[in-house]
């Protein structure tokens, strides 16, 4: 089984963790923006299905 040769420093570990957190924050912000665009009817650049049965009911 592969094992690391040397211990990873705290700085490198913290840097990796901060990058991971930043990616999650950016993804959440983008999802919120897309959701707001869909609800307001200003959505452009992607296709989402609309069920005609639900709109008529």
C-alpha atoms as a PDB file:
ATOM      1  CA  UNK A   1       0.000   0.000   0.000  1.00  0.00           C
ATOM      2  CA  UNK A   2       1.297   3.469  -0.878  1.00  0.00           C
ATOM      3  CA  UNK A   3       2.209   5.756   1.998  1.00  0.00           C
ATOM      4  CA  UNK A   4       3.555   9.328   2.011  1.00  0.00           C
ATOM      5  CA  UNK A   5       7.324   9.649   2.369  1.00  0.00           C
ATOM      6  CA  UNK A   6       7.243  12.700   4.625  1.00  0.00           C
ATOM      7  CA  UNK A   7       4.746  14.342   6.920  1.00  0.00           C
ATOM      8  CA  UNK A   8       2.706  17.111   5.304  1.00  0.00           C
ATOM      9  CA  UNK A   9       3.253  20.468   6.974  1.00  0.00           C
ATOM     10  CA  UNK A  10       0.420  22.277   8.750  1.00  0.00           C
ATOM     11  CA  UNK A  11       0.686  25.159   6.299  1.00  0.00           C
ATOM     12  CA  UNK A  12       0.263  22.898   3.266  1.00  0.00           C
ATOM     13  CA  UNK A  13      -2.643  21.104   4.928  1.00  0.00           C
ATOM     14  CA  UNK A  14      -4.357  24.394   5.806  1.00  0.00           C
ATOM     15  CA  UNK A  15      -3.808  25.732   2.303  1.00  0.00           C
ATOM     16  CA  UNK A  16      -5.420  22.640   0.788  1.00  0.00           C
ATOM     17  CA  UNK A  17      -8.353  22.879   3.198  1.00  0.00           C
ATOM     18  CA  UNK A  18      -8.896  26.596   2.464  1.00  0.00           C
ATOM     19  CA  UNK A  19      -8.917  25.917  -1.286  1.00  0.00           C
ATOM     20  CA  UNK A  20     -11.490  23.156  -0.825  1.00  0.00           C
ATOM     21  CA  UNK A  21     -13.704  25.472   1.249  1.00  0.00           C
ATOM     22  CA  UNK A  22     -13.395  28.283  -1.317  1.00  0.00           C
ATOM     23  CA  UNK A  23     -14.521  25.974  -4.130  1.00  0.00           C
ATOM     24  CA  UNK A  24     -17.606  24.996  -2.124  1.00  0.00           C
ATOM     25  CA  UNK A  25     -18.470  28.635  -1.456  1.00  0.00           C
ATOM     26  CA  UNK A  26     -18.140  29.530  -5.144  1.00  0.00           C
ATOM     27  CA  UNK A  27     -20.332  26.594  -6.186  1.00  0.00           C
ATOM     28  CA  UNK A  28     -23.019  27.569  -3.664  1.00  0.00           C
ATOM     29  CA  UNK A  29     -23.001  31.173  -4.889  1.00  0.00           C
ATOM     30  CA  UNK A  30     -23.348  30.038  -8.509  1.00  0.00           C
ATOM     31  CA  UNK A  31     -26.229  27.681  -7.648  1.00  0.00           C
ATOM     32  CA  UNK A  32     -28.051  30.467  -5.809  1.00  0.00           C
ATOM     33  CA  UNK A  33     -27.588  32.822  -8.749  1.00  0.00           C
ATOM     34  CA  UNK A  34     -28.931  30.270 -11.226  1.00  0.00           C
ATOM     35  CA  UNK A  35     -31.877  29.518  -8.940  1.00  0.00           C
ATOM     36  CA  UNK A  36     -32.770  33.201  -8.690  1.00  0.00           C
ATOM     37  CA  UNK A  37     -32.542  33.566 -12.481  1.00  0.00           C
ATOM     38  CA  UNK A  38     -34.875  30.611 -13.028  1.00  0.00           C
ATOM     39  CA  UNK A  39     -37.432  31.900 -10.534  1.00  0.00           C
ATOM     40  CA  UNK A  40     -37.430  35.413 -11.968  1.00  0.00           C
ATOM     41  CA  UNK A  41     -37.654  34.176 -15.577  1.00  0.00           C
ATOM     42  CA  UNK A  42     -34.345  35.743 -16.631  1.00  0.00           C
ATOM     43  CA  UNK A  43     -32.591  32.397 -17.125  1.00  0.00           C
ATOM     44  CA  UNK A  44     -30.298  32.261 -20.152  1.00  0.00           C
ATOM     45  CA  UNK A  45     -27.581  29.897 -21.281  1.00  0.00           C
ATOM     46  CA  UNK A  46     -29.070  26.610 -20.157  1.00  0.00           C
ATOM     47  CA  UNK A  47     -32.184  24.509 -20.727  1.00  0.00           C
ATOM     48  CA  UNK A  48     -34.403  23.174 -17.982  1.00  0.00           C
ATOM     49  CA  UNK A  49     -37.556  21.061 -18.400  1.00  0.00           C
ATOM     50  CA  UNK A  50     -41.000  22.526 -17.785  1.00  0.00           C
ATOM     51  CA  UNK A  51     -43.852  20.106 -17.156  1.00  0.00           C
ATOM     52  CA  UNK A  52     -46.955  21.342 -18.960  1.00  0.00           C
ATOM     53  CA  UNK A  53     -49.196  19.233 -16.707  1.00  0.00           C
ATOM     54  CA  UNK A  54     -48.144  21.183 -13.613  1.00  0.00           C
ATOM     55  CA  UNK A  55     -48.657  24.603 -15.192  1.00  0.00           C
ATOM     56  CA  UNK A  56     -52.231  23.793 -16.240  1.00  0.00           C
ATOM     57  CA  UNK A  57     -53.309  22.294 -12.916  1.00  0.00           C
END
